[in-house]
Amino acid sequence: EINHFLELKAHTVRITEQNAAELLKD
């Protein structure tokens, strides 16, 4: 609603040592 053109990627997970690299790579 604030910025219709904003690119968004959501991850409904708890960030951990195991998944952090994949979640934050970009």
PDB file of all heavy atoms in Angstrom:
ATOM      1  N   GLU A   1       0.817  -1.208   0.000  1.00  0.00           N
ATOM      2  CA  GLU A   1       0.000   0.000   0.000  1.00  0.00           C
ATOM      3  C   GLU A   1       0.851   1.259   0.000  1.00  0.00           C
ATOM      4  O   GLU A   1       0.453   2.290  -0.532  1.00  0.00           O
ATOM      5  CB  GLU A   1      -0.934   0.008   1.214  1.00  0.00           C
ATOM      6  CG  GLU A   1      -2.037  -1.022   1.156  1.00  0.00           C
ATOM      7  CD  GLU A   1      -3.047  -0.844   2.276  1.00  0.00           C
ATOM      8  OE1 GLU A   1      -3.168   0.276   2.797  1.00  0.00           O
ATOM      9  OE2 GLU A   1      -3.696  -1.829   2.637  1.00  0.00           O
ATOM     10  N   ILE A   2       2.032   1.180   0.599  1.00  0.00           N
ATOM     11  CA  ILE A   2       2.930   2.328   0.661  1.00  0.00           C
ATOM     12  C   ILE A   2       3.676   2.520  -0.651  1.00  0.00           C
ATOM     13  O   ILE A   2       3.778   3.633  -1.176  1.00  0.00           O
ATOM     14  CB  ILE A   2       3.939   2.151   1.819  1.00  0.00           C
ATOM     15  CG1 ILE A   2       3.216   2.213   3.164  1.00  0.00           C
ATOM     16  CG2 ILE A   2       5.050   3.198   1.751  1.00  0.00           C
ATOM     17  CD1 ILE A   2       4.080   1.831   4.343  1.00  0.00           C
ATOM     18  N   ASN A   3       4.236   1.442  -1.173  1.00  0.00           N
ATOM     19  CA  ASN A   3       5.057   1.502  -2.382  1.00  0.00           C
ATOM     20  C   ASN A   3       4.674   0.335  -3.275  1.00  0.00           C
ATOM     21  O   ASN A   3       5.161  -0.784  -3.106  1.00  0.00           O
ATOM     22  CB  ASN A   3       6.543   1.452  -2.006  1.00  0.00           C
ATOM     23  CG  ASN A   3       7.454   1.536  -3.211  1.00  0.00           C
ATOM     24  OD1 ASN A   3       7.024   1.426  -4.360  1.00  0.00           O
ATOM     25  ND2 ASN A   3       8.746   1.728  -2.958  1.00  0.00           N
ATOM     26  N   HIS A   4       3.799   0.610  -4.208  1.00  0.00           N
ATOM     27  CA  HIS A   4       3.239  -0.427  -5.081  1.00  0.00           C
ATOM     28  C   HIS A   4       4.310  -1.090  -5.950  1.00  0.00           C
ATOM     29  O   HIS A   4       4.119  -2.212  -6.438  1.00  0.00           O
ATOM     30  CB  HIS A   4       2.154   0.197  -5.959  1.00  0.00           C
ATOM     31  CG  HIS A   4       1.408  -0.786  -6.805  1.00  0.00           C
ATOM     32  ND1 HIS A   4       0.584  -1.762  -6.269  1.00  0.00           N
ATOM     33  CD2 HIS A   4       1.380  -0.967  -8.151  1.00  0.00           C
ATOM     34  CE1 HIS A   4       0.062  -2.484  -7.249  1.00  0.00           C
ATOM     35  NE2 HIS A   4       0.522  -2.028  -8.390  1.00  0.00           N
ATOM     36  N   PHE A   5       5.446  -0.402  -6.140  1.00  0.00           N
ATOM     37  CA  PHE A   5       6.468  -0.895  -7.061  1.00  0.00           C
ATOM     38  C   PHE A   5       7.654  -1.521  -6.348  1.00  0.00           C
ATOM     39  O   PHE A   5       8.623  -1.925  -6.982  1.00  0.00           O
ATOM     40  CB  PHE A   5       6.938   0.260  -7.953  1.00  0.00           C
ATOM     41  CG  PHE A   5       5.804   0.933  -8.658  1.00  0.00           C
ATOM     42  CD1 PHE A   5       5.349   2.174  -8.237  1.00  0.00           C
ATOM     43  CD2 PHE A   5       5.152   0.316  -9.713  1.00  0.00           C
ATOM     44  CE1 PHE A   5       4.284   2.797  -8.873  1.00  0.00           C
ATOM     45  CE2 PHE A   5       4.077   0.915 -10.347  1.00  0.00           C
ATOM     46  CZ  PHE A   5       3.638   2.166  -9.931  1.00  0.00           C
ATOM     47  N   LEU A   6       7.582  -1.624  -5.045  1.00  0.00           N
ATOM     48  CA  LEU A   6       8.636  -2.240  -4.257  1.00  0.00           C
ATOM     49  C   LEU A   6       8.670  -3.748  -4.501  1.00  0.00           C
ATOM     50  O   LEU A   6       7.641  -4.419  -4.444  1.00  0.00           O
ATOM     51  CB  LEU A   6       8.385  -1.954  -2.774  1.00  0.00           C
ATOM     52  CG  LEU A   6       9.258  -2.653  -1.736  1.00  0.00           C
ATOM     53  CD1 LEU A   6      10.707  -2.203  -1.872  1.00  0.00           C
ATOM     54  CD2 LEU A   6       8.738  -2.338  -0.333  1.00  0.00           C
ATOM     55  N   GLU A   7       9.862  -4.285  -4.761  1.00  0.00           N
ATOM     56  CA  GLU A   7      10.011  -5.730  -4.895  1.00  0.00           C
ATOM     57  C   GLU A   7      10.172  -6.324  -3.500  1.00  0.00           C
ATOM     58  O   GLU A   7      11.002  -5.868  -2.712  1.00  0.00           O
ATOM     59  CB  GLU A   7      11.225  -6.077  -5.751  1.00  0.00           C
ATOM     60  CG  GLU A   7      11.365  -7.572  -6.024  1.00  0.00           C
ATOM     61  CD  GLU A   7      12.541  -7.921  -6.922  1.00  0.00           C
ATOM     62  OE1 GLU A   7      13.173  -6.995  -7.468  1.00  0.00           O
ATOM     63  OE2 GLU A   7      12.821  -9.134  -7.064  1.00  0.00           O
ATOM     64  N   LEU A   8       9.381  -7.341  -3.208  1.00  0.00           N
ATOM     65  CA  LEU A   8       9.359  -7.916  -1.873  1.00  0.00           C
ATOM     66  C   LEU A   8       9.561  -9.421  -1.919  1.00  0.00           C
ATOM     67  O   LEU A   8       9.008 -10.105  -2.779  1.00  0.00           O
ATOM     68  CB  LEU A   8       8.018  -7.613  -1.192  1.00  0.00           C
ATOM     69  CG  LEU A   8       7.733  -6.146  -0.866  1.00  0.00           C
ATOM     70  CD1 LEU A   8       6.244  -5.937  -0.590  1.00  0.00           C
ATOM     71  CD2 LEU A   8       8.568  -5.689   0.324  1.00  0.00           C
ATOM     72  N   LYS A   9      10.355  -9.908  -0.963  1.00  0.00           N
ATOM     73  CA  LYS A   9      10.533 -11.344  -0.784  1.00  0.00           C
ATOM     74  C   LYS A   9      10.403 -11.641   0.694  1.00  0.00           C
ATOM     75  O   LYS A   9      11.129 -11.090   1.517  1.00  0.00           O
ATOM     76  CB  LYS A   9      11.913 -11.786  -1.287  1.00  0.00           C
ATOM     77  CG  LYS A   9      12.194 -13.269  -1.127  1.00  0.00           C
ATOM     78  CD  LYS A   9      11.297 -14.118  -2.016  1.00  0.00           C
ATOM     79  CE  LYS A   9      11.662 -15.584  -1.949  1.00  0.00           C
ATOM     80  NZ  LYS A   9      10.769 -16.408  -2.800  1.00  0.00           N
ATOM     81  N   ALA A  10       9.450 -12.484   1.064  1.00  0.00           N
ATOM     82  CA  ALA A  10       9.198 -12.790   2.463  1.00  0.00           C
ATOM     83  C   ALA A  10       9.545 -14.238   2.771  1.00  0.00           C
ATOM     84  O   ALA A  10       9.259 -15.145   1.973  1.00  0.00           O
ATOM     85  CB  ALA A  10       7.737 -12.522   2.807  1.00  0.00           C
ATOM     86  N   HIS A  11      10.147 -14.447   3.924  1.00  0.00           N
ATOM     87  CA  HIS A  11      10.481 -15.789   4.406  1.00  0.00           C
ATOM     88  C   HIS A  11       9.886 -15.950   5.798  1.00  0.00           C
ATOM     89  O   HIS A  11      10.344 -15.310   6.750  1.00  0.00           O
ATOM     90  CB  HIS A  11      11.994 -15.990   4.476  1.00  0.00           C
ATOM     91  CG  HIS A  11      12.697 -15.839   3.164  1.00  0.00           C
ATOM     92  ND1 HIS A  11      12.700 -16.844   2.209  1.00  0.00           N
ATOM     93  CD2 HIS A  11      13.402 -14.808   2.641  1.00  0.00           C
ATOM     94  CE1 HIS A  11      13.397 -16.440   1.158  1.00  0.00           C
ATOM     95  NE2 HIS A  11      13.838 -15.215   1.397  1.00  0.00           N
ATOM     96  N   THR A  12       8.878 -16.779   5.913  1.00  0.00           N
ATOM     97  CA  THR A  12       8.229 -17.001   7.202  1.00  0.00           C
ATOM     98  C   THR A  12       8.924 -18.165   7.898  1.00  0.00           C
ATOM     99  O   THR A  12       8.409 -19.286   7.980  1.00  0.00           O
ATOM    100  CB  THR A  12       6.722 -17.277   7.007  1.00  0.00           C
ATOM    101  OG1 THR A  12       6.163 -16.228   6.203  1.00  0.00           O
ATOM    102  CG2 THR A  12       6.000 -17.302   8.346  1.00  0.00           C
ATOM    103  N   VAL A  13      10.111 -17.870   8.379  1.00  0.00           N
ATOM    104  CA  VAL A  13      10.952 -18.881   9.028  1.00  0.00           C
ATOM    105  C   VAL A  13      11.764 -18.201  10.129  1.00  0.00           C
ATOM    106  O   VAL A  13      11.917 -16.991  10.146  1.00  0.00           O
ATOM    107  CB  VAL A  13      11.923 -19.556   8.037  1.00  0.00           C
ATOM    108  CG1 VAL A  13      11.174 -20.332   6.972  1.00  0.00           C
ATOM    109  CG2 VAL A  13      12.860 -18.527   7.411  1.00  0.00           C
ATOM    110  N   ARG A  14      12.298 -19.006  11.008  1.00  0.00           N
ATOM    111  CA  ARG A  14      13.266 -18.517  11.990  1.00  0.00           C
ATOM    112  C   ARG A  14      14.656 -18.594  11.352  1.00  0.00           C
ATOM    113  O   ARG A  14      15.064 -19.648  10.869  1.00  0.00           O
ATOM    114  CB  ARG A  14      13.230 -19.374  13.251  1.00  0.00           C
ATOM    115  CG  ARG A  14      14.109 -18.845  14.388  1.00  0.00           C
ATOM    116  CD  ARG A  14      14.201 -19.865  15.506  1.00  0.00           C
ATOM    117  NE  ARG A  14      12.922 -20.101  16.159  1.00  0.00           N
ATOM    118  CZ  ARG A  14      12.469 -19.398  17.211  1.00  0.00           C
ATOM    119  NH1 ARG A  14      13.195 -18.407  17.706  1.00  0.00           N
ATOM    120  NH2 ARG A  14      11.300 -19.702  17.747  1.00  0.00           N
ATOM    121  N   ILE A  15      15.374 -17.497  11.365  1.00  0.00           N
ATOM    122  CA  ILE A  15      16.709 -17.499  10.777  1.00  0.00           C
ATOM    123  C   ILE A  15      17.671 -18.240  11.697  1.00  0.00           C
ATOM    124  O   ILE A  15      17.656 -18.055  12.911  1.00  0.00           O
ATOM    125  CB  ILE A  15      17.190 -16.062  10.483  1.00  0.00           C
ATOM    126  CG1 ILE A  15      18.446 -16.075   9.625  1.00  0.00           C
ATOM    127  CG2 ILE A  15      17.377 -15.265  11.750  1.00  0.00           C
ATOM    128  CD1 ILE A  15      18.788 -14.720   9.038  1.00  0.00           C
ATOM    129  N   THR A  16      18.477 -19.109  11.120  1.00  0.00           N
ATOM    130  CA  THR A  16      19.392 -19.945  11.887  1.00  0.00           C
ATOM    131  C   THR A  16      20.761 -19.969  11.209  1.00  0.00           C
ATOM    132  O   THR A  16      20.925 -19.475  10.084  1.00  0.00           O
ATOM    133  CB  THR A  16      18.872 -21.390  11.988  1.00  0.00           C
ATOM    134  OG1 THR A  16      18.894 -21.984  10.670  1.00  0.00           O
ATOM    135  CG2 THR A  16      17.459 -21.440  12.550  1.00  0.00           C
ATOM    136  N   GLU A  17      21.704 -20.592  11.874  1.00  0.00           N
ATOM    137  CA  GLU A  17      23.029 -20.759  11.285  1.00  0.00           C
ATOM    138  C   GLU A  17      22.959 -21.584  10.008  1.00  0.00           C
ATOM    139  O   GLU A  17      23.769 -21.409   9.101  1.00  0.00           O
ATOM    140  CB  GLU A  17      23.964 -21.432  12.289  1.00  0.00           C
ATOM    141  CG  GLU A  17      24.257 -20.594  13.528  1.00  0.00           C
ATOM    142  CD  GLU A  17      25.158 -21.319  14.503  1.00  0.00           C
ATOM    143  OE1 GLU A  17      25.588 -22.455  14.190  1.00  0.00           O
ATOM    144  OE2 GLU A  17      25.432 -20.761  15.577  1.00  0.00           O
ATOM    145  N   GLN A  18      21.981 -22.470   9.933  1.00  0.00           N
ATOM    146  CA  GLN A  18      21.865 -23.370   8.786  1.00  0.00           C
ATOM    147  C   GLN A  18      21.237 -22.701   7.558  1.00  0.00           C
ATOM    148  O   GLN A  18      21.592 -23.024   6.421  1.00  0.00           O
ATOM    149  CB  GLN A  18      21.042 -24.609   9.162  1.00  0.00           C
ATOM    150  CG  GLN A  18      21.744 -25.569  10.110  1.00  0.00           C
ATOM    151  CD  GLN A  18      21.889 -25.032  11.525  1.00  0.00           C
ATOM    152  OE1 GLN A  18      20.960 -24.395  12.052  1.00  0.00           O
ATOM    153  NE2 GLN A  18      23.033 -25.260  12.132  1.00  0.00           N
ATOM    154  N   ASN A  19      20.295 -21.770   7.767  1.00  0.00           N
ATOM    155  CA  ASN A  19      19.596 -21.200   6.606  1.00  0.00           C
ATOM    156  C   ASN A  19      19.985 -19.760   6.299  1.00  0.00           C
ATOM    157  O   ASN A  19      19.551 -19.195   5.298  1.00  0.00           O
ATOM    158  CB  ASN A  19      18.077 -21.302   6.784  1.00  0.00           C
ATOM    159  CG  ASN A  19      17.555 -20.496   7.966  1.00  0.00           C
ATOM    160  OD1 ASN A  19      18.221 -19.631   8.499  1.00  0.00           O
ATOM    161  ND2 ASN A  19      16.323 -20.810   8.383  1.00  0.00           N
ATOM    162  N   ALA A  20      20.794 -19.143   7.143  1.00  0.00           N
ATOM    163  CA  ALA A  20      21.095 -17.718   6.981  1.00  0.00           C
ATOM    164  C   ALA A  20      21.748 -17.398   5.642  1.00  0.00           C
ATOM    165  O   ALA A  20      21.393 -16.419   4.982  1.00  0.00           O
ATOM    166  CB  ALA A  20      21.979 -17.237   8.124  1.00  0.00           C
ATOM    167  N   ALA A  21      22.696 -18.198   5.230  1.00  0.00           N
ATOM    168  CA  ALA A  21      23.407 -17.919   3.982  1.00  0.00           C
ATOM    169  C   ALA A  21      22.461 -17.878   2.790  1.00  0.00           C
ATOM    170  O   ALA A  21      22.549 -16.987   1.937  1.00  0.00           O
ATOM    171  CB  ALA A  21      24.501 -18.966   3.762  1.00  0.00           C
ATOM    172  N   GLU A  22      21.526 -18.809   2.737  1.00  0.00           N
ATOM    173  CA  GLU A  22      20.568 -18.851   1.630  1.00  0.00           C
ATOM    174  C   GLU A  22      19.586 -17.677   1.715  1.00  0.00           C
ATOM    175  O   GLU A  22      19.280 -17.036   0.699  1.00  0.00           O
ATOM    176  CB  GLU A  22      19.813 -20.173   1.649  1.00  0.00           C
ATOM    177  CG  GLU A  22      18.778 -20.315   0.548  1.00  0.00           C
ATOM    178  CD  GLU A  22      19.374 -20.326  -0.853  1.00  0.00           C
ATOM    179  OE1 GLU A  22      20.570 -20.663  -0.992  1.00  0.00           O
ATOM    180  OE2 GLU A  22      18.648 -19.994  -1.798  1.00  0.00           O
ATOM    181  N   LEU A  23      19.100 -17.373   2.919  1.00  0.00           N
ATOM    182  CA  LEU A  23      18.123 -16.301   3.084  1.00  0.00           C
ATOM    183  C   LEU A  23      18.700 -14.931   2.752  1.00  0.00           C
ATOM    184  O   LEU A  23      17.994 -14.056   2.240  1.00  0.00           O
ATOM    185  CB  LEU A  23      17.595 -16.293   4.524  1.00  0.00           C
ATOM    186  CG  LEU A  23      16.774 -17.504   4.973  1.00  0.00           C
ATOM    187  CD1 LEU A  23      16.450 -17.391   6.456  1.00  0.00           C
ATOM    188  CD2 LEU A  23      15.492 -17.620   4.158  1.00  0.00           C
ATOM    189  N   LEU A  24      19.972 -14.731   3.041  1.00  0.00           N
ATOM    190  CA  LEU A  24      20.582 -13.399   2.948  1.00  0.00           C
ATOM    191  C   LEU A  24      21.500 -13.233   1.745  1.00  0.00           C
ATOM    192  O   LEU A  24      22.110 -12.171   1.584  1.00  0.00           O
ATOM    193  CB  LEU A  24      21.371 -13.115   4.230  1.00  0.00           C
ATOM    194  CG  LEU A  24      20.570 -13.159   5.531  1.00  0.00           C
ATOM    195  CD1 LEU A  24      21.499 -13.027   6.729  1.00  0.00           C
ATOM    196  CD2 LEU A  24      19.513 -12.072   5.555  1.00  0.00           C
ATOM    197  N   LYS A  25      21.580 -14.214   0.883  1.00  0.00           N
ATOM    198  CA  LYS A  25      22.573 -14.197  -0.193  1.00  0.00           C
ATOM    199  C   LYS A  25      22.403 -13.014  -1.140  1.00  0.00           C
ATOM    200  O   LYS A  25      23.398 -12.518  -1.706  1.00  0.00           O
ATOM    201  CB  LYS A  25      22.521 -15.514  -0.974  1.00  0.00           C
ATOM    202  CG  LYS A  25      21.211 -15.755  -1.711  1.00  0.00           C
ATOM    203  CD  LYS A  25      21.246 -17.093  -2.458  1.00  0.00           C
ATOM    204  CE  LYS A  25      19.943 -17.314  -3.221  1.00  0.00           C
ATOM    205  NZ  LYS A  25      19.945 -18.616  -3.952  1.00  0.00           N
ATOM    206  N   ASP A  26      21.183 -12.528  -1.338  1.00  0.00           N
ATOM    207  CA  ASP A  26      20.952 -11.450  -2.304  1.00  0.00           C
ATOM    208  C   ASP A  26      21.008 -10.060  -1.685  1.00  0.00           C
ATOM    209  O   ASP A  26      20.908  -9.056  -2.399  1.00  0.00           O
ATOM    210  CB  ASP A  26      19.594 -11.637  -2.983  1.00  0.00           C
ATOM    211  CG  ASP A  26      19.533 -12.893  -3.835  1.00  0.00           C
ATOM    212  OD1 ASP A  26      20.588 -13.283  -4.370  1.00  0.00           O
ATOM    213  OD2 ASP A  26      18.446 -13.487  -3.945  1.00  0.00           O
TER     214      ASP A  26
END
